Amino acid sequence: MKKQLFFIVLLLSLTANAQELAVLKYNGGGDWYGNPTALPNLIAFCNQNINTTINPKPQTVEVGSPDIFQYPFIHMTGHGYVFFSESDAENLRNYLISGGFLHIDDNYGLKPYVTKELKKVFPDKELIELPANHPIFSNAFKFPDGLPKIHEHDAKRPQAFGIFKDSRLVLLFTFESDLGDGWEDAIVHNDPEDVREKALKMGANIVKFAFEN
């Protein structure tokens, strides 16, 4: 009974802050703070194009903090080392199974570290590649080929991986796409406008999916 009440409280917390996004701060020395203009720009795009009313200023939340339950959508990025303590992993697991959503965007070099740490969160689950016909690629803007390529690193194709809990996508890991770079201010990477627009549209799809599922 106590456990049921605990999860009810968590769900109420997520519902009460349905239009808030946060950046995940993690340990290990990786640059969790990378792409500082990315999320504000994505929020502005979503509010203008998919009828959201998200707070224009994203918050920062630590992976082991109870404050994580205030946000229905959390974004994580970086280039390097990530470390989750056992309590961090438990907190993140409880957040995800109680209705939260985590988007991890590999800013290049993140994959070997984050995949290892995700095993602490869900020891019995694997990252599964999403097919191009998954609803996340068509719920607002159409991406018939799946995840778009925004920045080139190793000439690898972009891939979107997910972790599911009871058939619900609770975590999305975008690899070899670098969406966050495309969300940043135009002057940061000098991306063509059509590339930035493609990145923002895919980001809007992710936000819409997280809010509606």
N, C-alpha and C. Protein backbone atom coordinates (compact mmCIF):
# COMPACT_ATOMS: atom_id res chain seq x y z
N MET A 1 0.82 -1.20 0.00
CA MET A 1 0.00 0.00 0.00
C MET A 1 0.87 1.26 0.00
N LYS A 2 1.92 1.24 0.81
CA LYS A 2 2.81 2.40 0.88
C LYS A 2 3.47 2.65 -0.47
N LYS A 3 3.85 1.55 -1.14
CA LYS A 3 4.50 1.69 -2.44
C LYS A 3 3.53 2.29 -3.45
N GLN A 4 2.25 1.87 -3.40
CA GLN A 4 1.25 2.41 -4.32
C GLN A 4 1.06 3.90 -4.09
N LEU A 5 0.98 4.30 -2.83
CA LEU A 5 0.83 5.72 -2.51
C LEU A 5 2.03 6.52 -2.98
N PHE A 6 3.23 5.93 -2.87
CA PHE A 6 4.45 6.58 -3.30
C PHE A 6 4.39 6.92 -4.80
N PHE A 7 3.96 5.95 -5.60
CA PHE A 7 3.90 6.17 -7.04
C PHE A 7 2.77 7.12 -7.42
N ILE A 8 1.69 7.13 -6.66
CA ILE A 8 0.62 8.10 -6.92
C ILE A 8 1.13 9.52 -6.72
N VAL A 9 1.90 9.72 -5.66
CA VAL A 9 2.49 11.03 -5.39
C VAL A 9 3.42 11.44 -6.53
N LEU A 10 4.22 10.49 -7.03
CA LEU A 10 5.13 10.79 -8.13
C LEU A 10 4.36 11.19 -9.38
N LEU A 11 3.30 10.47 -9.67
CA LEU A 11 2.50 10.78 -10.85
C LEU A 11 1.85 12.14 -10.74
N LEU A 12 1.39 12.50 -9.56
CA LEU A 12 0.81 13.82 -9.34
C LEU A 12 1.84 14.91 -9.54
N SER A 13 3.08 14.66 -9.12
CA SER A 13 4.15 15.63 -9.31
C SER A 13 4.41 15.86 -10.80
N LEU A 14 4.44 14.79 -11.58
CA LEU A 14 4.67 14.91 -13.01
C LEU A 14 3.53 15.66 -13.68
N THR A 15 2.29 15.38 -13.28
CA THR A 15 1.13 16.03 -13.88
C THR A 15 1.09 17.52 -13.55
N ALA A 16 1.47 17.85 -12.34
CA ALA A 16 1.40 19.25 -11.90
C ALA A 16 2.36 20.14 -12.66
N ASN A 17 3.42 19.60 -13.21
CA ASN A 17 4.42 20.38 -13.91
C ASN A 17 4.53 19.92 -15.37
N ALA A 18 3.37 19.75 -16.00
CA ALA A 18 3.33 19.14 -17.32
C ALA A 18 3.97 19.98 -18.41
N GLN A 19 4.25 21.24 -18.14
CA GLN A 19 4.85 22.10 -19.15
C GLN A 19 6.21 22.63 -18.69
N GLU A 20 6.97 21.77 -18.05
CA GLU A 20 8.32 22.11 -17.60
C GLU A 20 9.31 21.11 -18.18
N LEU A 21 10.45 21.61 -18.64
CA LEU A 21 11.53 20.74 -19.10
C LEU A 21 12.78 21.01 -18.27
N ALA A 22 13.64 20.02 -18.19
CA ALA A 22 14.87 20.18 -17.41
C ALA A 22 16.03 19.47 -18.08
N VAL A 23 17.22 20.00 -17.81
CA VAL A 23 18.47 19.38 -18.24
C VAL A 23 18.98 18.51 -17.09
N LEU A 24 19.42 17.30 -17.42
CA LEU A 24 19.89 16.39 -16.38
C LEU A 24 21.36 16.63 -16.07
N LYS A 25 21.64 16.88 -14.79
CA LYS A 25 23.01 17.05 -14.31
C LYS A 25 23.46 15.72 -13.72
N TYR A 26 24.56 15.19 -14.23
CA TYR A 26 25.05 13.89 -13.78
C TYR A 26 26.50 13.99 -13.33
N ASN A 27 26.97 12.96 -12.63
CA ASN A 27 28.34 12.92 -12.14
C ASN A 27 29.25 12.21 -13.13
N GLY A 28 30.54 12.29 -12.88
CA GLY A 28 31.51 11.60 -13.71
C GLY A 28 32.45 12.50 -14.47
N GLY A 29 32.15 13.78 -14.53
CA GLY A 29 33.05 14.72 -15.20
C GLY A 29 32.66 15.06 -16.62
N GLY A 30 31.63 14.41 -17.16
CA GLY A 30 31.17 14.74 -18.50
C GLY A 30 30.49 16.10 -18.55
N ASP A 31 30.46 16.70 -19.74
CA ASP A 31 29.89 18.05 -19.86
C ASP A 31 28.38 18.00 -20.04
N TRP A 32 27.68 17.73 -18.94
CA TRP A 32 26.22 17.68 -18.94
C TRP A 32 25.62 19.01 -19.36
N TYR A 33 26.39 20.06 -19.23
CA TYR A 33 25.94 21.43 -19.51
C TYR A 33 26.17 21.84 -20.96
N GLY A 34 26.57 20.90 -21.82
CA GLY A 34 26.85 21.21 -23.22
C GLY A 34 25.62 21.76 -23.94
N ASN A 35 25.86 22.49 -25.03
CA ASN A 35 24.79 23.07 -25.85
C ASN A 35 23.81 23.92 -25.02
N PRO A 36 24.30 24.97 -24.36
CA PRO A 36 23.44 25.73 -23.45
C PRO A 36 22.26 26.44 -24.11
N THR A 37 22.36 26.76 -25.40
CA THR A 37 21.23 27.44 -26.04
C THR A 37 20.24 26.47 -26.68
N ALA A 38 20.56 25.18 -26.65
CA ALA A 38 19.75 24.19 -27.38
C ALA A 38 18.33 24.08 -26.84
N LEU A 39 18.18 23.78 -25.56
CA LEU A 39 16.85 23.53 -25.02
C LEU A 39 15.97 24.78 -25.03
N PRO A 40 16.49 25.97 -24.69
CA PRO A 40 15.64 27.17 -24.82
C PRO A 40 15.12 27.38 -26.23
N ASN A 41 15.96 27.13 -27.23
CA ASN A 41 15.51 27.28 -28.62
C ASN A 41 14.47 26.23 -28.99
N LEU A 42 14.65 25.00 -28.51
CA LEU A 42 13.67 23.95 -28.79
C LEU A 42 12.33 24.30 -28.14
N ILE A 43 12.38 24.78 -26.92
CA ILE A 43 11.15 25.16 -26.22
C ILE A 43 10.42 26.25 -26.99
N ALA A 44 11.15 27.27 -27.43
CA ALA A 44 10.53 28.36 -28.20
C ALA A 44 9.88 27.82 -29.48
N PHE A 45 10.57 26.92 -30.14
CA PHE A 45 10.04 26.33 -31.37
C PHE A 45 8.75 25.54 -31.08
N CYS A 46 8.77 24.76 -30.02
CA CYS A 46 7.59 23.98 -29.66
C CYS A 46 6.40 24.88 -29.32
N ASN A 47 6.65 25.91 -28.54
CA ASN A 47 5.57 26.82 -28.15
C ASN A 47 4.97 27.53 -29.36
N GLN A 48 5.79 27.76 -30.37
CA GLN A 48 5.32 28.46 -31.57
C GLN A 48 4.66 27.52 -32.58
N ASN A 49 5.01 26.23 -32.54
CA ASN A 49 4.60 25.34 -33.63
C ASN A 49 3.75 24.14 -33.25
N ILE A 50 3.77 23.71 -32.01
CA ILE A 50 2.97 22.53 -31.66
C ILE A 50 2.05 22.79 -30.46
N ASN A 51 1.76 24.06 -30.22
CA ASN A 51 0.76 24.46 -29.22
C ASN A 51 1.10 24.07 -27.79
N THR A 52 2.38 24.02 -27.47
CA THR A 52 2.77 23.82 -26.07
C THR A 52 2.86 25.18 -25.37
N THR A 53 2.88 25.14 -24.06
CA THR A 53 3.06 26.36 -23.26
C THR A 53 4.16 26.10 -22.23
N ILE A 54 5.28 25.64 -22.72
CA ILE A 54 6.39 25.26 -21.85
C ILE A 54 7.08 26.50 -21.30
N ASN A 55 7.47 26.44 -20.04
CA ASN A 55 8.26 27.51 -19.44
C ASN A 55 9.48 27.74 -20.31
N PRO A 56 9.70 28.99 -20.79
CA PRO A 56 10.81 29.23 -21.72
C PRO A 56 12.19 29.00 -21.13
N LYS A 57 12.28 28.95 -19.82
CA LYS A 57 13.57 28.74 -19.17
C LYS A 57 13.66 27.32 -18.63
N PRO A 58 14.43 26.44 -19.28
CA PRO A 58 14.56 25.07 -18.75
C PRO A 58 15.31 25.08 -17.43
N GLN A 59 14.97 24.14 -16.58
CA GLN A 59 15.60 24.01 -15.28
C GLN A 59 16.74 23.00 -15.36
N THR A 60 17.50 22.91 -14.29
CA THR A 60 18.55 21.90 -14.17
C THR A 60 18.20 21.02 -12.98
N VAL A 61 18.30 19.71 -13.15
CA VAL A 61 17.96 18.80 -12.07
C VAL A 61 19.02 17.71 -11.99
N GLU A 62 19.43 17.37 -10.78
CA GLU A 62 20.41 16.32 -10.59
C GLU A 62 19.75 14.95 -10.65
N VAL A 63 20.46 14.00 -11.22
CA VAL A 63 19.87 12.69 -11.48
C VAL A 63 19.40 12.00 -10.20
N GLY A 64 20.03 12.28 -9.07
CA GLY A 64 19.64 11.63 -7.83
C GLY A 64 18.68 12.44 -6.98
N SER A 65 18.22 13.58 -7.48
CA SER A 65 17.36 14.46 -6.69
C SER A 65 15.89 14.08 -6.81
N PRO A 66 15.14 14.23 -5.72
CA PRO A 66 13.68 14.00 -5.81
C PRO A 66 12.99 15.03 -6.70
N ASP A 67 13.66 16.14 -6.97
CA ASP A 67 13.08 17.17 -7.84
C ASP A 67 12.88 16.68 -9.27
N ILE A 68 13.53 15.58 -9.62
CA ILE A 68 13.39 15.03 -10.97
C ILE A 68 11.93 14.73 -11.30
N PHE A 69 11.14 14.43 -10.27
CA PHE A 69 9.75 14.06 -10.50
C PHE A 69 8.85 15.24 -10.84
N GLN A 70 9.40 16.43 -10.82
CA GLN A 70 8.63 17.63 -11.18
C GLN A 70 8.54 17.82 -12.69
N TYR A 71 9.33 17.05 -13.46
CA TYR A 71 9.45 17.31 -14.89
C TYR A 71 9.05 16.09 -15.72
N PRO A 72 8.10 16.27 -16.63
CA PRO A 72 7.69 15.14 -17.48
C PRO A 72 8.70 14.81 -18.57
N PHE A 73 9.60 15.76 -18.87
CA PHE A 73 10.59 15.58 -19.93
C PHE A 73 11.94 16.07 -19.42
N ILE A 74 12.94 15.19 -19.47
CA ILE A 74 14.29 15.56 -19.07
C ILE A 74 15.23 15.27 -20.22
N HIS A 75 16.13 16.20 -20.47
CA HIS A 75 17.08 16.10 -21.57
C HIS A 75 18.48 15.92 -21.01
N MET A 76 19.22 15.01 -21.61
CA MET A 76 20.59 14.72 -21.18
C MET A 76 21.51 14.74 -22.40
N THR A 77 22.68 15.36 -22.25
CA THR A 77 23.63 15.41 -23.34
C THR A 77 25.05 15.39 -22.80
N GLY A 78 26.02 15.48 -23.70
CA GLY A 78 27.42 15.51 -23.30
C GLY A 78 28.30 14.78 -24.28
N HIS A 79 29.60 14.86 -24.02
CA HIS A 79 30.59 14.22 -24.89
C HIS A 79 31.31 13.05 -24.21
N GLY A 80 31.31 13.02 -22.88
CA GLY A 80 32.22 12.10 -22.24
C GLY A 80 31.65 11.30 -21.09
N TYR A 81 32.41 11.22 -20.03
CA TYR A 81 32.18 10.28 -18.94
C TYR A 81 30.89 10.56 -18.17
N VAL A 82 30.16 9.51 -17.89
CA VAL A 82 28.92 9.56 -17.11
C VAL A 82 29.02 8.52 -16.00
N PHE A 83 28.56 8.89 -14.82
CA PHE A 83 28.53 7.92 -13.72
C PHE A 83 27.24 8.09 -12.94
N PHE A 84 26.51 6.99 -12.75
CA PHE A 84 25.33 6.96 -11.89
C PHE A 84 25.66 6.11 -10.67
N SER A 85 25.46 6.66 -9.48
CA SER A 85 25.55 5.85 -8.28
C SER A 85 24.33 4.94 -8.23
N GLU A 86 24.34 4.00 -7.30
CA GLU A 86 23.19 3.10 -7.18
C GLU A 86 21.93 3.89 -6.82
N SER A 87 22.07 4.90 -5.97
CA SER A 87 20.90 5.71 -5.61
C SER A 87 20.44 6.57 -6.78
N ASP A 88 21.39 7.06 -7.60
CA ASP A 88 21.03 7.79 -8.81
C ASP A 88 20.20 6.90 -9.73
N ALA A 89 20.70 5.68 -9.95
CA ALA A 89 20.04 4.74 -10.85
C ALA A 89 18.64 4.39 -10.35
N GLU A 90 18.51 4.19 -9.06
CA GLU A 90 17.20 3.87 -8.50
C GLU A 90 16.24 5.04 -8.67
N ASN A 91 16.74 6.24 -8.43
CA ASN A 91 15.89 7.43 -8.57
C ASN A 91 15.43 7.61 -10.02
N LEU A 92 16.36 7.43 -10.95
CA LEU A 92 16.02 7.57 -12.36
C LEU A 92 15.05 6.47 -12.80
N ARG A 93 15.26 5.28 -12.34
CA ARG A 93 14.36 4.17 -12.67
C ARG A 93 12.94 4.46 -12.17
N ASN A 94 12.82 4.92 -10.92
CA ASN A 94 11.50 5.24 -10.37
C ASN A 94 10.83 6.37 -11.15
N TYR A 95 11.63 7.34 -11.56
CA TYR A 95 11.10 8.46 -12.36
C TYR A 95 10.53 7.95 -13.68
N LEU A 96 11.27 7.09 -14.36
CA LEU A 96 10.86 6.61 -15.68
C LEU A 96 9.64 5.69 -15.60
N ILE A 97 9.61 4.82 -14.62
CA ILE A 97 8.48 3.88 -14.55
C ILE A 97 7.22 4.55 -13.99
N SER A 98 7.36 5.74 -13.42
CA SER A 98 6.19 6.43 -12.88
C SER A 98 5.63 7.47 -13.86
N GLY A 99 6.16 7.50 -15.09
CA GLY A 99 5.58 8.39 -16.09
C GLY A 99 6.52 9.39 -16.71
N GLY A 100 7.75 9.46 -16.22
CA GLY A 100 8.72 10.41 -16.78
C GLY A 100 9.31 9.94 -18.09
N PHE A 101 10.01 10.85 -18.77
CA PHE A 101 10.62 10.55 -20.06
C PHE A 101 12.00 11.19 -20.11
N LEU A 102 12.99 10.42 -20.54
CA LEU A 102 14.36 10.92 -20.65
C LEU A 102 14.81 10.84 -22.10
N HIS A 103 15.27 11.97 -22.64
CA HIS A 103 15.88 12.00 -23.96
C HIS A 103 17.38 12.20 -23.78
N ILE A 104 18.17 11.27 -24.25
CA ILE A 104 19.63 11.37 -24.21
C ILE A 104 20.13 11.63 -25.62
N ASP A 105 20.79 12.74 -25.83
CA ASP A 105 21.31 13.09 -27.15
C ASP A 105 22.83 13.02 -27.11
N ASP A 106 23.39 12.07 -27.84
CA ASP A 106 24.84 11.91 -27.87
C ASP A 106 25.45 13.08 -28.64
N ASN A 107 26.20 13.90 -27.90
CA ASN A 107 26.85 15.07 -28.50
C ASN A 107 28.21 14.69 -29.09
N TYR A 108 28.44 13.39 -29.16
CA TYR A 108 29.62 12.73 -29.71
C TYR A 108 30.53 12.24 -28.58
N GLY A 109 30.62 10.94 -28.46
CA GLY A 109 31.48 10.31 -27.46
C GLY A 109 30.77 9.84 -26.21
N LEU A 110 29.46 10.03 -26.14
CA LEU A 110 28.72 9.69 -24.94
C LEU A 110 28.33 8.22 -24.85
N LYS A 111 28.16 7.58 -25.99
CA LYS A 111 27.53 6.26 -26.02
C LYS A 111 28.19 5.19 -25.14
N PRO A 112 29.50 4.99 -25.18
CA PRO A 112 30.06 3.89 -24.37
C PRO A 112 29.85 4.06 -22.88
N TYR A 113 29.77 5.30 -22.43
CA TYR A 113 29.59 5.56 -21.00
C TYR A 113 28.13 5.43 -20.59
N VAL A 114 27.25 6.05 -21.37
CA VAL A 114 25.85 6.07 -20.96
C VAL A 114 25.21 4.70 -21.09
N THR A 115 25.60 3.91 -22.08
CA THR A 115 25.01 2.57 -22.19
C THR A 115 25.41 1.69 -21.00
N LYS A 116 26.62 1.87 -20.52
CA LYS A 116 27.07 1.13 -19.35
C LYS A 116 26.26 1.53 -18.11
N GLU A 117 26.05 2.84 -17.94
CA GLU A 117 25.34 3.31 -16.75
C GLU A 117 23.85 2.98 -16.81
N LEU A 118 23.28 2.90 -18.00
CA LEU A 118 21.87 2.55 -18.11
C LEU A 118 21.60 1.13 -17.64
N LYS A 119 22.63 0.29 -17.66
CA LYS A 119 22.48 -1.06 -17.13
C LYS A 119 22.21 -1.06 -15.63
N LYS A 120 22.64 0.00 -14.96
CA LYS A 120 22.33 0.14 -13.54
C LYS A 120 20.86 0.53 -13.34
N VAL A 121 20.33 1.25 -14.30
CA VAL A 121 18.94 1.71 -14.21
C VAL A 121 17.99 0.57 -14.53
N PHE A 122 18.24 -0.11 -15.66
CA PHE A 122 17.42 -1.25 -16.08
C PHE A 122 18.33 -2.42 -16.44
N PRO A 123 18.75 -3.20 -15.44
CA PRO A 123 19.69 -4.30 -15.69
C PRO A 123 19.17 -5.34 -16.68
N ASP A 124 17.85 -5.48 -16.77
CA ASP A 124 17.26 -6.53 -17.60
C ASP A 124 16.80 -6.03 -18.96
N LYS A 125 17.15 -4.78 -19.32
CA LYS A 125 16.67 -4.22 -20.57
C LYS A 125 17.82 -3.78 -21.47
N GLU A 126 17.56 -3.81 -22.77
CA GLU A 126 18.53 -3.38 -23.76
C GLU A 126 17.98 -2.19 -24.53
N LEU A 127 18.87 -1.38 -25.06
CA LEU A 127 18.46 -0.33 -25.98
C LEU A 127 18.04 -0.98 -27.29
N ILE A 128 16.84 -0.66 -27.74
CA ILE A 128 16.27 -1.24 -28.95
C ILE A 128 16.15 -0.15 -30.01
N GLU A 129 16.65 -0.44 -31.21
CA GLU A 129 16.56 0.58 -32.26
C GLU A 129 15.10 0.74 -32.70
N LEU A 130 14.67 2.00 -32.80
CA LEU A 130 13.31 2.28 -33.23
C LEU A 130 13.22 2.24 -34.76
N PRO A 131 12.20 1.61 -35.30
CA PRO A 131 12.03 1.60 -36.76
C PRO A 131 11.55 2.95 -37.25
N ALA A 132 11.74 3.20 -38.53
CA ALA A 132 11.38 4.49 -39.10
C ALA A 132 9.89 4.77 -39.03
N ASN A 133 9.08 3.73 -38.87
CA ASN A 133 7.64 3.94 -38.79
C ASN A 133 7.14 4.14 -37.36
N HIS A 134 8.04 4.29 -36.41
CA HIS A 134 7.60 4.55 -35.03
C HIS A 134 6.91 5.92 -35.00
N PRO A 135 5.85 6.08 -34.20
CA PRO A 135 5.08 7.33 -34.17
C PRO A 135 5.92 8.57 -33.82
N ILE A 136 7.03 8.41 -33.15
CA ILE A 136 7.84 9.57 -32.77
C ILE A 136 8.40 10.28 -34.00
N PHE A 137 8.41 9.61 -35.13
CA PHE A 137 8.94 10.20 -36.36
C PHE A 137 7.84 10.81 -37.23
N SER A 138 6.61 10.84 -36.73
CA SER A 138 5.54 11.37 -37.58
C SER A 138 4.42 12.08 -36.82
N ASN A 139 4.54 12.22 -35.49
CA ASN A 139 3.41 12.75 -34.72
C ASN A 139 3.15 14.23 -34.92
N ALA A 140 4.14 15.00 -35.33
CA ALA A 140 3.95 16.42 -35.63
C ALA A 140 4.53 16.75 -37.00
N PHE A 141 5.77 16.34 -37.22
CA PHE A 141 6.46 16.54 -38.49
C PHE A 141 6.91 15.18 -39.00
N LYS A 142 6.91 15.03 -40.31
CA LYS A 142 7.16 13.73 -40.92
C LYS A 142 8.64 13.50 -41.20
N PHE A 143 9.14 12.39 -40.71
CA PHE A 143 10.50 11.93 -40.99
C PHE A 143 10.41 10.48 -41.47
N PRO A 144 10.07 10.28 -42.73
CA PRO A 144 9.82 8.92 -43.23
C PRO A 144 11.02 7.99 -43.16
N ASP A 145 12.22 8.57 -43.08
CA ASP A 145 13.43 7.75 -42.98
C ASP A 145 13.92 7.61 -41.55
N GLY A 146 13.14 8.09 -40.59
CA GLY A 146 13.55 8.01 -39.20
C GLY A 146 14.41 9.19 -38.78
N LEU A 147 15.27 8.99 -37.82
CA LEU A 147 16.07 10.06 -37.22
C LEU A 147 16.93 10.76 -38.27
N PRO A 148 16.87 12.10 -38.35
CA PRO A 148 17.67 12.81 -39.34
C PRO A 148 19.12 12.99 -38.91
N LYS A 149 19.98 13.14 -39.87
CA LYS A 149 21.40 13.43 -39.62
C LYS A 149 21.57 14.94 -39.55
N ILE A 150 22.13 15.43 -38.46
CA ILE A 150 22.33 16.87 -38.30
C ILE A 150 23.81 17.23 -38.41
N HIS A 151 24.66 16.54 -37.66
CA HIS A 151 26.10 16.77 -37.74
C HIS A 151 26.84 15.48 -38.04
N GLU A 152 27.86 15.58 -38.85
CA GLU A 152 28.67 14.42 -39.22
C GLU A 152 29.82 14.25 -38.24
N HIS A 153 30.06 13.00 -37.82
CA HIS A 153 31.20 12.71 -36.96
C HIS A 153 32.02 11.55 -37.54
N ASP A 154 31.42 10.38 -37.55
CA ASP A 154 32.16 9.18 -37.98
C ASP A 154 31.56 8.52 -39.22
N ALA A 155 30.81 9.28 -39.99
CA ALA A 155 30.19 8.74 -41.21
C ALA A 155 29.29 7.55 -40.91
N LYS A 156 28.71 7.53 -39.73
CA LYS A 156 27.77 6.48 -39.36
C LYS A 156 26.34 6.99 -39.53
N ARG A 157 25.43 6.08 -39.76
CA ARG A 157 24.04 6.50 -39.92
C ARG A 157 23.44 6.89 -38.57
N PRO A 158 22.51 7.84 -38.57
CA PRO A 158 21.85 8.20 -37.32
C PRO A 158 20.94 7.07 -36.85
N GLN A 159 20.90 6.87 -35.55
CA GLN A 159 20.06 5.82 -34.99
C GLN A 159 19.34 6.32 -33.75
N ALA A 160 18.10 5.91 -33.59
CA ALA A 160 17.31 6.23 -32.40
C ALA A 160 17.06 4.92 -31.66
N PHE A 161 17.48 4.88 -30.41
CA PHE A 161 17.30 3.69 -29.58
C PHE A 161 16.34 4.01 -28.44
N GLY A 162 15.61 3.02 -28.00
CA GLY A 162 14.67 3.23 -26.91
C GLY A 162 14.74 2.16 -25.86
N ILE A 163 14.27 2.51 -24.68
CA ILE A 163 14.02 1.53 -23.63
C ILE A 163 12.52 1.61 -23.32
N PHE A 164 11.89 0.44 -23.28
CA PHE A 164 10.46 0.36 -23.06
C PHE A 164 10.16 -0.26 -21.71
N LYS A 165 9.11 0.24 -21.10
CA LYS A 165 8.60 -0.34 -19.85
C LYS A 165 7.11 -0.58 -20.04
N ASP A 166 6.70 -1.84 -20.02
CA ASP A 166 5.30 -2.20 -20.24
C ASP A 166 4.78 -1.59 -21.54
N SER A 167 5.58 -1.70 -22.58
CA SER A 167 5.29 -1.23 -23.95
C SER A 167 5.33 0.28 -24.11
N ARG A 168 5.60 1.03 -23.04
CA ARG A 168 5.73 2.49 -23.14
C ARG A 168 7.19 2.87 -23.32
N LEU A 169 7.45 3.73 -24.30
CA LEU A 169 8.80 4.23 -24.51
C LEU A 169 9.11 5.23 -23.40
N VAL A 170 10.06 4.89 -22.53
CA VAL A 170 10.38 5.75 -21.39
C VAL A 170 11.69 6.50 -21.59
N LEU A 171 12.51 6.01 -22.52
CA LEU A 171 13.83 6.61 -22.75
C LEU A 171 14.16 6.56 -24.23
N LEU A 172 14.63 7.68 -24.75
CA LEU A 172 15.07 7.76 -26.14
C LEU A 172 16.53 8.19 -26.17
N PHE A 173 17.35 7.42 -26.89
CA PHE A 173 18.76 7.74 -27.04
C PHE A 173 19.03 7.99 -28.52
N THR A 174 19.37 9.24 -28.87
CA THR A 174 19.64 9.59 -30.26
C THR A 174 21.15 9.63 -30.47
N PHE A 175 21.59 8.85 -31.48
CA PHE A 175 23.01 8.59 -31.70
C PHE A 175 23.39 8.93 -33.14
N GLU A 176 24.55 9.57 -33.31
CA GLU A 176 25.07 9.96 -34.62
C GLU A 176 24.13 10.88 -35.39
N SER A 177 23.41 11.69 -34.63
CA SER A 177 22.53 12.69 -35.21
C SER A 177 22.93 14.08 -34.73
N ASP A 178 23.15 14.19 -33.42
CA ASP A 178 23.55 15.46 -32.79
C ASP A 178 22.46 16.52 -32.92
N LEU A 179 21.26 16.15 -32.51
CA LEU A 179 20.14 17.09 -32.55
C LEU A 179 20.42 18.37 -31.79
N GLY A 180 21.06 18.23 -30.62
CA GLY A 180 21.31 19.40 -29.78
C GLY A 180 22.12 20.48 -30.46
N ASP A 181 23.10 20.07 -31.28
CA ASP A 181 23.87 21.07 -32.03
C ASP A 181 22.97 21.82 -32.99
N GLY A 182 22.00 21.12 -33.57
CA GLY A 182 21.08 21.77 -34.49
C GLY A 182 20.09 22.68 -33.80
N TRP A 183 19.85 22.44 -32.51
CA TRP A 183 18.95 23.32 -31.75
C TRP A 183 19.63 24.60 -31.30
N GLU A 184 20.93 24.59 -31.24
CA GLU A 184 21.64 25.75 -30.70
C GLU A 184 21.47 26.99 -31.59
N ASP A 185 21.85 28.16 -31.05
CA ASP A 185 21.81 29.39 -31.83
C ASP A 185 22.57 29.21 -33.14
N ALA A 186 22.07 29.79 -34.18
CA ALA A 186 22.64 29.61 -35.52
C ALA A 186 24.12 29.94 -35.57
N ILE A 187 24.54 30.93 -34.81
CA ILE A 187 25.93 31.39 -34.86
C ILE A 187 26.90 30.38 -34.27
N VAL A 188 26.42 29.44 -33.44
CA VAL A 188 27.29 28.50 -32.73
C VAL A 188 27.96 27.52 -33.70
N HIS A 189 27.18 26.94 -34.58
CA HIS A 189 27.72 25.93 -35.50
C HIS A 189 27.61 26.33 -36.97
N ASN A 190 27.00 27.48 -37.22
CA ASN A 190 26.83 27.97 -38.60
C ASN A 190 26.11 26.96 -39.48
N ASP A 191 25.15 26.26 -38.91
CA ASP A 191 24.36 25.32 -39.70
C ASP A 191 23.42 26.07 -40.64
N PRO A 192 23.19 25.52 -41.84
CA PRO A 192 22.18 26.10 -42.74
C PRO A 192 20.81 26.09 -42.06
N GLU A 193 19.96 26.99 -42.44
CA GLU A 193 18.65 27.11 -41.81
C GLU A 193 17.83 25.83 -41.96
N ASP A 194 17.94 25.16 -43.10
CA ASP A 194 17.14 23.95 -43.29
C ASP A 194 17.60 22.82 -42.36
N VAL A 195 18.88 22.79 -42.03
CA VAL A 195 19.40 21.79 -41.09
C VAL A 195 18.89 22.07 -39.68
N ARG A 196 18.95 23.33 -39.28
CA ARG A 196 18.44 23.69 -37.95
C ARG A 196 16.94 23.40 -37.85
N GLU A 197 16.22 23.72 -38.90
CA GLU A 197 14.77 23.48 -38.89
C GLU A 197 14.47 21.99 -38.77
N LYS A 198 15.23 21.17 -39.47
CA LYS A 198 15.06 19.72 -39.39
C LYS A 198 15.30 19.23 -37.97
N ALA A 199 16.35 19.73 -37.33
CA ALA A 199 16.65 19.34 -35.96
C ALA A 199 15.55 19.76 -35.00
N LEU A 200 15.07 20.99 -35.15
CA LEU A 200 14.02 21.50 -34.26
C LEU A 200 12.71 20.75 -34.46
N LYS A 201 12.40 20.39 -35.69
CA LYS A 201 11.17 19.63 -35.95
C LYS A 201 11.24 18.25 -35.31
N MET A 202 12.40 17.60 -35.41
CA MET A 202 12.54 16.29 -34.77
C MET A 202 12.46 16.44 -33.26
N GLY A 203 13.06 17.49 -32.73
CA GLY A 203 12.96 17.74 -31.30
C GLY A 203 11.53 17.97 -30.85
N ALA A 204 10.77 18.68 -31.66
CA ALA A 204 9.35 18.92 -31.34
C ALA A 204 8.58 17.60 -31.33
N ASN A 205 8.90 16.71 -32.26
CA ASN A 205 8.27 15.39 -32.25
C ASN A 205 8.54 14.65 -30.94
N ILE A 206 9.78 14.75 -30.47
CA ILE A 206 10.15 14.06 -29.22
C ILE A 206 9.38 14.64 -28.04
N VAL A 207 9.33 15.96 -27.96
CA VAL A 207 8.59 16.62 -26.87
C VAL A 207 7.12 16.24 -26.93
N LYS A 208 6.53 16.32 -28.10
CA LYS A 208 5.11 15.98 -28.24
C LYS A 208 4.84 14.54 -27.82
N PHE A 209 5.71 13.64 -28.25
CA PHE A 209 5.55 12.24 -27.88
C PHE A 209 5.64 12.05 -26.37
N ALA A 210 6.61 12.71 -25.76
CA ALA A 210 6.79 12.57 -24.30
C ALA A 210 5.59 13.10 -23.53
N PHE A 211 5.02 14.20 -23.99
CA PHE A 211 3.87 14.80 -23.30
C PHE A 211 2.59 13.98 -23.46
N GLU A 212 2.49 13.25 -24.58
CA GLU A 212 1.22 12.59 -24.88
C GLU A 212 1.22 11.09 -24.57
N ASN A 213 2.35 10.54 -24.19
CA ASN A 213 2.43 9.10 -23.96
C ASN A 213 2.91 8.76 -22.54
